[in-house]
N, C-alpha and C. Protein backbone atom coordinates (compact mmCIF):
# COMPACT_ATOMS: atom_id res chain seq x y z
N UNK A 1 92.13 98.71 110.09
CA UNK A 1 92.67 97.94 111.18
C UNK A 1 93.14 98.90 112.27
N UNK A 2 92.71 98.68 113.47
CA UNK A 2 93.08 99.52 114.60
C UNK A 2 94.38 99.03 115.22
N UNK A 3 95.24 99.95 115.50
CA UNK A 3 96.50 99.62 116.17
C UNK A 3 96.40 100.18 117.58
N UNK A 4 96.60 99.34 118.53
CA UNK A 4 96.49 99.77 119.92
C UNK A 4 97.88 99.83 120.54
N UNK A 5 98.02 100.71 121.51
CA UNK A 5 99.30 100.80 122.21
C UNK A 5 99.07 100.56 123.69
N UNK A 6 100.15 100.50 124.43
CA UNK A 6 100.02 100.19 125.85
C UNK A 6 100.44 101.36 126.73
N UNK A 7 100.89 102.48 126.14
CA UNK A 7 101.37 103.56 126.99
C UNK A 7 100.33 104.66 127.22
N UNK A 8 99.19 104.55 126.57
CA UNK A 8 98.12 105.52 126.81
C UNK A 8 96.97 104.81 127.52
N UNK A 9 95.86 105.49 127.56
CA UNK A 9 94.70 104.91 128.23
C UNK A 9 94.31 103.59 127.58
N UNK A 10 93.73 102.75 128.36
CA UNK A 10 93.30 101.45 127.85
C UNK A 10 92.32 101.62 126.70
N UNK A 11 92.57 100.91 125.60
CA UNK A 11 91.67 100.93 124.47
C UNK A 11 91.89 102.07 123.50
N UNK A 12 92.90 102.89 123.73
CA UNK A 12 93.11 104.02 122.82
C UNK A 12 93.76 103.55 121.53
N UNK A 13 93.50 104.28 120.46
CA UNK A 13 94.08 103.94 119.17
C UNK A 13 95.42 104.65 119.00
N UNK A 14 96.25 104.07 118.18
CA UNK A 14 97.55 104.66 117.87
C UNK A 14 97.35 105.99 117.16
N UNK A 15 98.07 107.00 117.60
CA UNK A 15 97.99 108.32 117.00
C UNK A 15 99.34 108.65 116.39
N UNK A 16 99.46 108.50 115.07
CA UNK A 16 100.74 108.70 114.38
C UNK A 16 101.30 110.09 114.56
N UNK A 17 100.45 111.11 114.47
CA UNK A 17 100.93 112.49 114.61
C UNK A 17 101.49 112.74 116.01
N UNK A 18 100.79 112.22 117.00
CA UNK A 18 101.22 112.40 118.38
C UNK A 18 102.54 111.66 118.64
N UNK A 19 102.64 110.45 118.11
CA UNK A 19 103.86 109.68 118.28
C UNK A 19 105.03 110.32 117.53
N UNK A 20 104.76 110.86 116.35
CA UNK A 20 105.80 111.52 115.58
C UNK A 20 106.33 112.74 116.33
N UNK A 21 105.42 113.52 116.91
CA UNK A 21 105.82 114.70 117.67
C UNK A 21 106.70 114.33 118.85
N UNK A 22 106.30 113.29 119.57
CA UNK A 22 107.08 112.86 120.74
C UNK A 22 108.44 112.33 120.32
N UNK A 23 108.49 111.52 119.27
CA UNK A 23 109.77 110.97 118.80
C UNK A 23 110.68 112.09 118.30
N UNK A 24 110.13 113.06 117.59
CA UNK A 24 110.93 114.16 117.07
C UNK A 24 111.47 115.04 118.19
N UNK A 25 110.67 115.27 119.22
CA UNK A 25 111.15 116.06 120.36
C UNK A 25 112.35 115.38 121.01
N UNK A 26 112.21 114.08 121.30
CA UNK A 26 113.30 113.36 121.96
C UNK A 26 114.51 113.22 121.05
N UNK A 27 114.30 113.05 119.77
CA UNK A 27 115.41 112.98 118.82
C UNK A 27 116.12 114.33 118.74
N UNK A 28 115.37 115.42 118.81
CA UNK A 28 115.97 116.76 118.80
C UNK A 28 116.87 116.97 120.01
N UNK A 29 116.47 116.42 121.16
CA UNK A 29 117.29 116.52 122.37
C UNK A 29 118.63 115.80 122.15
N UNK A 30 118.58 114.60 121.59
CA UNK A 30 119.82 113.86 121.33
C UNK A 30 120.68 114.61 120.31
N UNK A 31 120.04 115.15 119.27
CA UNK A 31 120.80 115.91 118.28
C UNK A 31 121.46 117.13 118.91
N UNK A 32 120.78 117.79 119.83
CA UNK A 32 121.36 118.93 120.53
C UNK A 32 122.57 118.49 121.35
N UNK A 33 122.46 117.35 122.01
CA UNK A 33 123.56 116.85 122.84
C UNK A 33 124.81 116.61 122.01
N UNK A 34 124.63 116.10 120.79
CA UNK A 34 125.79 115.77 119.96
C UNK A 34 126.19 116.91 119.02
N UNK A 35 125.50 118.06 119.13
CA UNK A 35 125.91 119.23 118.37
C UNK A 35 125.33 119.33 116.97
N UNK A 36 124.22 118.66 116.72
CA UNK A 36 123.57 118.76 115.41
C UNK A 36 122.36 119.68 115.51
N UNK A 37 121.98 120.27 114.39
CA UNK A 37 120.87 121.22 114.36
C UNK A 37 119.61 120.53 113.85
N UNK A 38 118.53 120.61 114.65
CA UNK A 38 117.27 119.97 114.26
C UNK A 38 116.71 120.58 112.98
N UNK A 39 117.05 121.82 112.69
CA UNK A 39 116.53 122.47 111.48
C UNK A 39 116.96 121.73 110.21
N UNK A 40 118.02 120.95 110.30
CA UNK A 40 118.53 120.20 109.15
C UNK A 40 118.07 118.75 109.16
N UNK A 41 116.98 118.44 109.84
CA UNK A 41 116.56 117.05 110.00
C UNK A 41 116.27 116.37 108.67
N UNK A 42 115.77 117.11 107.68
CA UNK A 42 115.45 116.49 106.40
C UNK A 42 116.69 116.04 105.64
N UNK A 43 117.84 116.67 105.91
CA UNK A 43 119.07 116.26 105.24
C UNK A 43 119.99 115.46 106.16
N UNK A 44 119.56 115.25 107.41
CA UNK A 44 120.35 114.48 108.37
C UNK A 44 119.98 113.00 108.26
N UNK A 45 120.98 112.14 108.36
CA UNK A 45 120.73 110.70 108.35
C UNK A 45 121.02 110.14 109.74
N UNK A 46 120.60 108.93 109.99
CA UNK A 46 120.90 108.29 111.26
C UNK A 46 122.40 108.13 111.42
N UNK A 47 123.12 107.95 110.31
CA UNK A 47 124.58 107.83 110.37
C UNK A 47 125.22 109.12 110.88
N UNK A 48 124.67 110.28 110.48
CA UNK A 48 125.17 111.55 111.00
C UNK A 48 125.00 111.64 112.50
N UNK A 49 123.85 111.19 112.98
CA UNK A 49 123.58 111.24 114.42
C UNK A 49 124.50 110.30 115.17
N UNK A 50 124.67 109.07 114.66
CA UNK A 50 125.54 108.10 115.33
C UNK A 50 126.99 108.59 115.31
N UNK A 51 127.43 109.18 114.20
CA UNK A 51 128.78 109.76 114.15
C UNK A 51 128.93 110.86 115.19
N UNK A 52 127.88 111.67 115.35
CA UNK A 52 127.90 112.71 116.37
C UNK A 52 127.99 112.13 117.77
N UNK A 53 127.25 111.06 118.02
CA UNK A 53 127.31 110.39 119.32
C UNK A 53 128.72 109.87 119.59
N UNK A 54 129.33 109.27 118.58
CA UNK A 54 130.66 108.71 118.76
C UNK A 54 131.74 109.76 118.92
N UNK A 55 131.46 111.01 118.52
CA UNK A 55 132.45 112.07 118.66
C UNK A 55 132.32 112.82 119.98
N UNK A 56 131.28 112.52 120.77
CA UNK A 56 131.10 113.19 122.06
C UNK A 56 132.26 112.81 122.97
N UNK A 57 132.87 113.83 123.56
CA UNK A 57 134.00 113.61 124.46
C UNK A 57 133.57 113.86 125.90
N UNK A 58 134.16 113.15 126.81
CA UNK A 58 133.88 113.36 128.23
C UNK A 58 134.56 114.65 128.65
N UNK A 59 133.79 115.57 129.21
CA UNK A 59 134.33 116.89 129.57
C UNK A 59 134.36 117.13 131.07
N UNK A 60 133.97 116.17 131.87
CA UNK A 60 133.93 116.37 133.31
C UNK A 60 135.34 116.19 133.87
N UNK A 61 136.09 117.27 133.97
CA UNK A 61 137.47 117.17 134.43
C UNK A 61 137.56 117.02 135.94
N UNK A 62 136.46 117.29 136.66
CA UNK A 62 136.51 117.18 138.12
C UNK A 62 136.35 115.74 138.60
N UNK A 63 135.90 114.85 137.71
CA UNK A 63 135.70 113.46 138.11
C UNK A 63 137.04 112.76 138.24
N UNK A 64 137.17 111.94 139.25
CA UNK A 64 138.43 111.23 139.46
C UNK A 64 138.24 109.75 139.13
N UNK A 65 138.18 109.46 137.83
CA UNK A 65 138.04 108.10 137.36
C UNK A 65 139.40 107.53 137.03
N UNK A 66 139.52 106.24 137.16
CA UNK A 66 140.70 105.61 136.58
C UNK A 66 140.48 105.58 135.09
N UNK A 67 141.51 105.43 134.33
CA UNK A 67 141.39 105.45 132.88
C UNK A 67 140.41 104.38 132.41
N UNK A 68 140.50 103.21 132.98
CA UNK A 68 139.65 102.10 132.58
C UNK A 68 138.18 102.38 132.87
N UNK A 69 137.87 102.86 134.07
CA UNK A 69 136.46 103.10 134.40
C UNK A 69 135.91 104.27 133.59
N UNK A 70 136.73 105.26 133.30
CA UNK A 70 136.29 106.38 132.50
C UNK A 70 135.95 105.93 131.08
N UNK A 71 136.77 105.07 130.51
CA UNK A 71 136.51 104.57 129.17
C UNK A 71 135.22 103.75 129.14
N UNK A 72 134.98 102.96 130.17
CA UNK A 72 133.76 102.16 130.23
C UNK A 72 132.54 103.07 130.36
N UNK A 73 132.68 104.13 131.15
CA UNK A 73 131.59 105.07 131.34
C UNK A 73 131.23 105.77 130.02
N UNK A 74 132.23 106.26 129.32
CA UNK A 74 132.01 106.94 128.05
C UNK A 74 131.40 105.97 127.04
N UNK A 75 131.90 104.75 127.01
CA UNK A 75 131.36 103.74 126.09
C UNK A 75 129.88 103.46 126.40
N UNK A 76 129.55 103.37 127.68
CA UNK A 76 128.16 103.11 128.07
C UNK A 76 127.26 104.29 127.70
N UNK A 77 127.75 105.52 127.89
CA UNK A 77 126.97 106.69 127.50
C UNK A 77 126.71 106.71 126.00
N UNK A 78 127.74 106.42 125.24
CA UNK A 78 127.60 106.41 123.78
C UNK A 78 126.64 105.32 123.32
N UNK A 79 126.74 104.16 123.93
CA UNK A 79 125.85 103.06 123.57
C UNK A 79 124.39 103.42 123.88
N UNK A 80 124.15 104.03 125.03
CA UNK A 80 122.81 104.44 125.40
C UNK A 80 122.26 105.49 124.43
N UNK A 81 123.06 106.50 124.11
CA UNK A 81 122.61 107.52 123.16
C UNK A 81 122.38 106.93 121.78
N UNK A 82 123.26 106.04 121.33
CA UNK A 82 123.11 105.42 120.01
C UNK A 82 121.83 104.59 119.94
N UNK A 83 121.62 103.78 120.94
CA UNK A 83 120.41 102.94 120.96
C UNK A 83 119.15 103.78 121.01
N UNK A 84 119.17 104.83 121.82
CA UNK A 84 118.01 105.71 121.91
C UNK A 84 117.76 106.43 120.59
N UNK A 85 118.83 106.91 119.95
CA UNK A 85 118.68 107.60 118.67
C UNK A 85 118.12 106.67 117.61
N UNK A 86 118.63 105.45 117.55
CA UNK A 86 118.13 104.49 116.56
C UNK A 86 116.64 104.17 116.78
N UNK A 87 116.28 103.97 118.05
CA UNK A 87 114.88 103.66 118.38
C UNK A 87 113.97 104.83 118.00
N UNK A 88 114.38 106.06 118.34
CA UNK A 88 113.57 107.23 118.02
C UNK A 88 113.49 107.48 116.52
N UNK A 89 114.61 107.24 115.82
CA UNK A 89 114.63 107.41 114.37
C UNK A 89 113.61 106.46 113.73
N UNK A 90 113.61 105.23 114.21
CA UNK A 90 112.68 104.23 113.68
C UNK A 90 111.24 104.60 114.01
N UNK A 91 110.97 105.01 115.25
CA UNK A 91 109.62 105.40 115.64
C UNK A 91 109.13 106.58 114.81
N UNK A 92 110.02 107.53 114.55
CA UNK A 92 109.64 108.70 113.75
C UNK A 92 109.23 108.27 112.35
N UNK A 93 110.02 107.40 111.74
CA UNK A 93 109.71 106.98 110.38
C UNK A 93 108.48 106.08 110.30
N UNK A 94 108.24 105.30 111.31
CA UNK A 94 107.00 104.51 111.35
C UNK A 94 105.81 105.45 111.46
N UNK A 95 105.90 106.45 112.32
CA UNK A 95 104.80 107.41 112.50
C UNK A 95 104.55 108.18 111.20
N UNK A 96 105.61 108.57 110.51
CA UNK A 96 105.46 109.28 109.25
C UNK A 96 104.78 108.36 108.23
N UNK A 97 105.18 107.10 108.19
CA UNK A 97 104.59 106.13 107.27
C UNK A 97 103.12 105.86 107.54
N UNK A 98 102.76 105.81 108.82
CA UNK A 98 101.36 105.56 109.19
C UNK A 98 100.49 106.72 108.74
N UNK A 99 101.04 107.92 108.78
CA UNK A 99 100.28 109.11 108.40
C UNK A 99 100.25 109.30 106.87
N UNK A 100 101.00 108.48 106.17
CA UNK A 100 101.01 108.58 104.72
C UNK A 100 101.96 109.62 104.19
N UNK A 101 102.94 110.02 105.05
CA UNK A 101 103.88 111.06 104.64
C UNK A 101 105.12 110.47 104.21
């Protein structure tokens, strides 16, 4: 059964290895942002990544936010990183499964 995608050329088949590489690259970026090491990916869980996202602190001391707007901004950043990490984690595992790994 052929699986087609919409982000490559029209009519192209799904490439699990290519998708896994892309998902792992982007997941590594998020792990770097939250202070985790990609070399430990086999022992890292999505919970570790989400915990890392939730521990990220706002360090921009030059910004003049009110307390309320700063909290909303940090919450939005964390939500975006969490959602992206979950999506990439899932894509990575689907790609690994498609390849039989």
